[in-house]
Amino acid sequence: MHTVFLQYLDEVARQGSIRKAARVLNVTSTSVNRKIINVEKQLGTRLFERSPEGVELTAVGKVVLEHCRKTLYDFNNVKTIIDDLRDLRSGHLRIQTIDSVTFGVLPKILKIFGDKYPGISLSVTAATPDAVSASVIGGETDIGINFTNDLHPGIRVISEKAAPFGIIIPTGHPLAERASVTVEEIKPYQLVRTIDARGRNSILDHNIEDTTMHLSTHIFTNALTVAKQAILANQVIGIYTKIGFLDEIESGQLKFVPLAVKALSAYKVGLIIPATASIDPVKRLFLNVVEQVFKTLNLNN
């Protein structure tokens, strides 16, 4: 059954007459009748009872008509969305992301999106993982980019990418050639950690509990730029995902070595929206670009 038949069946049912339906559809009665008879043969049953006064739906015909009308409704909705996407010229999105995504990954996303949709403006802010989630739940943010482990039920994950934690170190560091490292093996080294580690409320603290008490932290900071410069200067080592250090790792300045902690190796970063929010055309365009960029990322090793 295709669109033409759906329209024919719907109109014949409305008019109660093949001849009247054909006049409305601006086609011949023969065309309408032939199409309906062909489908009746395929189904092995009549859709209409015919009489000199006109036609009347059979019980099966009523079921098929319900399906047809729902299909036509859904198809017209899809056409409207496609038209909206094709003709989209303006709009605004509020984006909030964890700090690490603003290095390398987000600029690439913004460049591609801006080139494709210059009329759509964006508000972009960076925040802690908890703050990003709270902003999305509260409706202050349209789309969040955040870690997707242990999220609030008020959040819906649209797309995600594996982003395990490991140590970030200069390429000449003694641990640089290791396939992975344990927490015990990083204890002798000074660390740079996120500012929430001072209150033992960081992702690391939540996943390795009392072990973090024995780590030596030299710098606490909420700015990844500060952490990156301290690591490049060989002052400290960092415990992060690769996502904020991709350029330096690719250029050979820094090395990522996975941390042998099961919970931390299972982390993912992804796109989040409020659980009850719909994905309108403007959001869909941005989500498509982020998913396109995410596919190019290798954050595992």
Protein backbone atom coordinates (compact mmCIF):
# COMPACT_ATOMS: atom_id res chain seq x y z
CA MET A 1 0.00 0.00 0.00
CA HIS A 2 1.44 3.39 -0.99
CA THR A 3 0.49 7.04 -0.65
CA VAL A 4 -1.90 7.11 -3.64
CA PHE A 5 -3.96 4.23 -2.27
CA LEU A 6 -4.00 5.78 1.21
CA GLN A 7 -5.45 8.96 -0.26
CA TYR A 8 -7.96 7.07 -2.39
CA LEU A 9 -9.20 4.95 0.51
CA ASP A 10 -9.48 7.94 2.82
CA GLU A 11 -11.49 9.98 0.31
CA VAL A 12 -13.80 7.13 -0.72
CA ALA A 13 -14.60 6.51 2.95
CA ARG A 14 -15.34 10.22 3.46
CA GLN A 15 -17.57 10.52 0.38
CA GLY A 16 -19.25 7.09 0.62
CA SER A 17 -18.90 6.95 -3.17
CA ILE A 18 -16.08 6.06 -5.55
CA ARG A 19 -17.46 8.47 -8.17
CA LYS A 20 -17.61 11.43 -5.74
CA ALA A 21 -14.16 10.61 -4.35
CA ALA A 22 -12.72 10.52 -7.89
CA ARG A 23 -14.18 13.96 -8.59
CA VAL A 24 -12.57 15.39 -5.42
CA LEU A 25 -9.24 13.72 -6.23
CA ASN A 26 -9.43 14.85 -9.85
CA VAL A 27 -8.88 11.33 -11.22
CA THR A 28 -11.11 8.83 -13.01
CA SER A 29 -13.51 6.57 -11.12
CA THR A 30 -11.87 3.61 -12.86
CA SER A 31 -8.46 4.50 -11.41
CA VAL A 32 -9.82 4.70 -7.89
CA ASN A 33 -11.86 1.52 -8.20
CA ARG A 34 -8.96 -0.44 -9.74
CA LYS A 35 -6.58 0.61 -7.00
CA ILE A 36 -8.99 -0.45 -4.25
CA ILE A 37 -9.75 -3.79 -5.96
CA ASN A 38 -6.01 -4.54 -6.32
CA VAL A 39 -5.44 -4.00 -2.60
CA GLU A 40 -8.52 -6.07 -1.73
CA LYS A 41 -7.00 -8.92 -3.77
CA GLN A 42 -3.69 -8.57 -1.92
CA LEU A 43 -5.45 -8.67 1.45
CA GLY A 44 -7.85 -11.43 0.39
CA THR A 45 -10.90 -9.58 1.68
CA ARG A 46 -13.23 -6.71 0.78
CA LEU A 47 -12.68 -3.25 2.18
CA PHE A 48 -16.04 -1.89 0.93
CA GLU A 49 -19.51 -3.26 0.40
CA ARG A 50 -20.74 -1.87 -2.91
CA SER A 51 -24.40 -1.00 -3.70
CA PRO A 52 -26.21 1.24 -6.22
CA GLU A 53 -26.32 3.96 -3.52
CA GLY A 54 -22.57 3.94 -3.00
CA VAL A 55 -20.01 2.12 -0.85
CA GLU A 56 -19.73 1.33 2.84
CA LEU A 57 -16.68 0.18 4.77
CA THR A 58 -16.54 -3.44 5.94
CA ALA A 59 -15.21 -4.29 9.42
CA VAL A 60 -11.81 -5.00 7.85
CA GLY A 61 -12.08 -1.78 5.84
CA LYS A 62 -12.49 0.23 9.03
CA VAL A 63 -9.31 -1.28 10.47
CA VAL A 64 -7.37 -0.56 7.27
CA LEU A 65 -8.76 2.99 7.10
CA GLU A 66 -7.58 3.68 10.65
CA HIS A 67 -4.10 2.50 9.68
CA CYS A 68 -4.18 4.59 6.50
CA ARG A 69 -5.19 7.78 8.28
CA LYS A 70 -2.52 7.33 10.93
CA THR A 71 0.08 6.68 8.22
CA LEU A 72 -0.99 9.77 6.26
CA TYR A 73 -0.88 11.86 9.44
CA ASP A 74 2.61 10.63 10.35
CA PHE A 75 3.83 11.08 6.77
CA ASN A 76 2.57 14.67 6.64
CA ASN A 77 4.27 15.40 9.97
CA VAL A 78 7.56 14.06 8.62
CA LYS A 79 7.18 16.21 5.48
CA THR A 80 6.61 19.26 7.68
CA ILE A 81 9.75 18.54 9.72
CA ILE A 82 11.79 18.04 6.53
CA ASP A 83 10.47 21.33 5.14
CA ASP A 84 11.35 23.06 8.43
CA LEU A 85 14.89 21.70 8.27
CA ARG A 86 15.29 22.66 4.62
CA ASP A 87 14.01 26.19 5.13
CA LEU A 88 15.56 26.83 8.54
CA ARG A 89 17.23 30.24 8.62
CA SER A 90 17.25 31.36 12.25
CA GLY A 91 16.99 30.19 15.84
CA HIS A 92 18.92 30.09 19.10
CA LEU A 93 20.31 27.28 21.26
CA ARG A 94 21.69 27.34 24.80
CA ILE A 95 24.61 24.92 25.15
CA GLN A 96 26.42 24.05 28.37
CA THR A 97 29.39 21.72 28.50
CA ILE A 98 32.06 20.37 30.80
CA ASP A 99 35.32 22.34 30.52
CA SER A 100 37.36 19.64 28.76
CA VAL A 101 35.05 19.61 25.71
CA THR A 102 35.83 23.30 25.06
CA PHE A 103 39.34 22.31 23.95
CA GLY A 104 39.53 21.07 20.37
CA VAL A 105 36.21 19.22 20.24
CA LEU A 106 33.74 22.08 20.78
CA PRO A 107 35.56 24.53 18.47
CA LYS A 108 35.33 21.93 15.69
CA ILE A 109 31.60 21.46 16.38
CA LEU A 110 31.00 25.23 16.36
CA LYS A 111 32.94 25.68 13.11
CA ILE A 112 30.97 23.00 11.25
CA PHE A 113 27.64 24.17 12.69
CA GLY A 114 28.36 27.84 11.98
CA ASP A 115 29.35 27.12 8.38
CA LYS A 116 26.16 25.11 7.76
CA TYR A 117 23.68 27.24 9.72
CA PRO A 118 25.02 30.81 10.06
CA GLY A 119 21.59 32.16 11.02
CA ILE A 120 21.33 30.07 14.20
CA SER A 121 22.95 31.73 17.21
CA LEU A 122 24.37 29.86 20.21
CA SER A 123 24.98 30.65 23.87
CA VAL A 124 27.87 28.46 25.05
CA THR A 125 29.01 28.14 28.68
CA ALA A 126 31.27 25.75 30.57
CA ALA A 127 30.49 24.29 34.00
CA THR A 128 31.17 21.35 36.30
CA PRO A 129 29.41 18.04 35.51
CA ASP A 130 26.89 18.54 38.35
CA ALA A 131 26.13 22.08 37.21
CA VAL A 132 25.62 20.99 33.59
CA SER A 133 23.12 18.35 34.68
CA ALA A 134 21.29 20.79 36.97
CA SER A 135 21.06 23.36 34.19
CA VAL A 136 19.61 20.83 31.75
CA ILE A 137 17.08 19.53 34.30
CA GLY A 138 16.07 23.08 35.22
CA GLY A 139 15.47 24.06 31.60
CA GLU A 140 18.14 26.79 31.56
CA THR A 141 20.10 24.78 28.98
CA ASP A 142 18.73 23.24 25.77
CA ILE A 143 21.58 20.76 25.23
CA GLY A 144 24.31 19.67 27.63
CA ILE A 145 27.57 17.90 26.89
CA ASN A 146 28.50 15.95 29.98
CA PHE A 147 29.60 12.66 31.45
CA THR A 148 26.66 10.26 31.12
CA ASN A 149 27.35 7.86 34.01
CA ASP A 150 24.88 7.92 36.91
CA LEU A 151 22.66 10.66 35.52
CA HIS A 152 19.50 12.06 37.12
CA PRO A 153 16.25 10.45 35.82
CA GLY A 154 15.20 13.88 34.58
CA ILE A 155 17.89 13.67 31.89
CA ARG A 156 17.76 11.91 28.55
CA VAL A 157 20.97 10.81 26.78
CA ILE A 158 20.84 11.35 23.01
CA SER A 159 24.32 10.15 22.00
CA GLU A 160 27.46 9.16 23.88
CA LYS A 161 31.09 8.24 23.40
CA ALA A 162 33.40 6.12 25.57
CA ALA A 163 35.77 8.41 27.50
CA PRO A 164 37.76 6.43 30.10
CA PHE A 165 39.96 8.15 32.66
CA GLY A 166 43.72 7.83 32.68
CA ILE A 167 46.85 9.79 33.49
CA ILE A 168 47.98 12.68 31.30
CA ILE A 169 51.77 13.00 31.31
CA PRO A 170 54.62 14.38 29.19
CA THR A 171 55.91 11.88 26.61
CA GLY A 172 59.25 11.57 28.44
CA HIS A 173 57.66 10.61 31.77
CA PRO A 174 58.73 7.27 33.35
CA LEU A 175 55.14 5.94 33.06
CA ALA A 176 54.66 7.04 29.45
CA GLU A 177 55.28 3.63 27.88
CA ARG A 178 52.98 1.71 30.18
CA ALA A 179 49.86 0.08 28.70
CA SER A 180 47.98 1.07 31.88
CA VAL A 181 48.77 2.20 35.41
CA THR A 182 47.33 1.46 38.84
CA VAL A 183 46.55 4.01 41.54
CA GLU A 184 49.49 2.61 43.55
CA GLU A 185 51.86 3.40 40.71
CA ILE A 186 50.90 7.09 40.58
CA LYS A 187 51.23 7.68 44.34
CA PRO A 188 54.88 8.83 44.13
CA TYR A 189 53.97 11.67 41.75
CA GLN A 190 52.51 15.12 42.39
CA LEU A 191 49.06 15.57 40.86
CA VAL A 192 46.92 18.32 39.41
CA ARG A 193 43.25 17.66 40.18
CA THR A 194 39.86 19.31 39.80
CA ILE A 195 38.90 21.89 42.42
CA ASP A 196 36.13 19.68 43.83
CA ALA A 197 38.80 17.17 44.90
CA ARG A 198 39.59 19.48 47.84
CA GLY A 199 36.28 18.43 49.36
CA ARG A 200 36.77 14.85 48.15
CA ASN A 201 33.78 15.29 45.88
CA SER A 202 35.43 14.69 42.50
CA ILE A 203 34.71 11.87 40.04
CA LEU A 204 37.96 10.24 41.16
CA ASP A 205 36.95 10.35 44.84
CA HIS A 206 33.53 8.87 44.08
CA ASN A 207 35.04 5.92 42.24
CA ILE A 208 38.15 4.96 44.21
CA GLU A 209 37.02 6.15 47.65
CA ASP A 210 39.67 6.08 50.41
CA THR A 211 42.56 5.53 48.00
CA THR A 212 42.59 9.22 47.03
CA MET A 213 43.60 10.15 50.61
CA HIS A 214 47.07 8.81 49.84
CA LEU A 215 47.54 10.77 46.61
CA SER A 216 49.72 13.86 46.67
CA THR A 217 48.00 16.81 45.00
CA HIS A 218 50.07 19.90 44.22
CA ILE A 219 47.44 21.93 42.28
CA PHE A 220 43.66 22.04 42.58
CA THR A 221 42.01 23.95 39.74
CA ASN A 222 38.72 24.35 37.89
CA ALA A 223 40.57 25.55 34.77
CA LEU A 224 41.86 22.89 32.41
CA THR A 225 44.25 25.46 30.90
CA VAL A 226 46.08 25.68 34.23
CA ALA A 227 46.24 21.89 34.55
CA LYS A 228 47.49 21.51 30.98
CA GLN A 229 50.32 24.03 31.38
CA ALA A 230 51.44 22.45 34.66
CA ILE A 231 51.55 19.00 33.03
CA LEU A 232 53.42 20.32 29.98
CA ALA A 233 55.97 21.92 32.36
CA ASN A 234 56.47 18.47 33.95
CA GLN A 235 55.42 19.82 37.36
CA VAL A 236 52.57 17.36 37.84
CA ILE A 237 50.61 14.55 36.25
CA GLY A 238 46.86 14.78 35.68
CA ILE A 239 43.99 12.31 35.94
CA TYR A 240 41.54 13.13 33.18
CA THR A 241 39.92 11.75 30.05
CA LYS A 242 41.69 12.39 26.74
CA ILE A 243 39.03 14.76 25.51
CA GLY A 244 40.64 18.00 26.74
CA PHE A 245 44.14 17.05 25.59
CA LEU A 246 43.59 15.67 22.10
CA ASP A 247 45.72 18.27 20.28
CA GLU A 248 48.70 17.85 22.62
CA ILE A 249 48.46 14.05 22.48
CA GLU A 250 48.25 14.08 18.69
CA SER A 251 51.27 16.42 18.45
CA GLY A 252 53.30 14.13 20.73
CA GLN A 253 53.67 16.60 23.60
CA LEU A 254 51.55 14.58 26.02
CA LYS A 255 50.66 10.93 26.53
CA PHE A 256 47.47 9.31 27.82
CA VAL A 257 47.85 6.09 29.81
CA PRO A 258 44.61 4.35 30.92
CA LEU A 259 44.03 4.05 34.65
CA ALA A 260 43.39 0.46 35.75
CA VAL A 261 40.23 1.23 37.71
CA LYS A 262 37.17 -0.55 36.33
CA ALA A 263 34.66 2.17 37.21
CA LEU A 264 36.78 4.93 35.68
CA SER A 265 37.40 2.95 32.50
CA ALA A 266 33.63 2.78 31.89
CA TYR A 267 33.05 6.54 31.71
CA LYS A 268 31.31 8.11 28.72
CA VAL A 269 30.70 11.63 27.52
CA GLY A 270 27.55 12.51 25.63
CA LEU A 271 24.72 14.81 24.66
CA ILE A 272 21.93 15.31 27.20
CA ILE A 273 18.56 17.06 27.15
CA PRO A 274 15.67 17.22 29.64
CA ALA A 275 13.90 13.84 29.77
CA THR A 276 10.55 15.34 28.78
CA ALA A 277 11.87 17.71 26.10
CA SER A 278 11.20 17.20 22.41
CA ILE A 279 13.92 17.42 19.78
CA ASP A 280 12.86 20.31 17.57
CA PRO A 281 14.51 20.97 14.17
CA VAL A 282 17.11 23.42 15.56
CA LYS A 283 18.20 20.95 18.25
CA ARG A 284 18.32 18.13 15.72
CA LEU A 285 20.68 20.09 13.48
CA PHE A 286 23.09 20.70 16.37
CA LEU A 287 22.85 17.11 17.62
CA ASN A 288 23.65 15.83 14.13
CA VAL A 289 26.83 17.91 13.98
CA VAL A 290 27.97 16.78 17.45
CA GLU A 291 27.34 13.12 16.55
CA GLN A 292 29.34 13.64 13.34
CA VAL A 293 32.32 15.00 15.30
CA PHE A 294 32.02 12.36 18.04
CA LYS A 295 32.43 9.63 15.42
CA THR A 296 35.90 10.95 14.59
CA LEU A 297 37.15 10.88 18.20
CA ASN A 298 39.30 8.12 19.65
CA LEU A 299 39.18 8.57 23.43
CA ASN A 300 39.96 5.01 24.47
CA ASN A 301 43.74 4.74 24.35
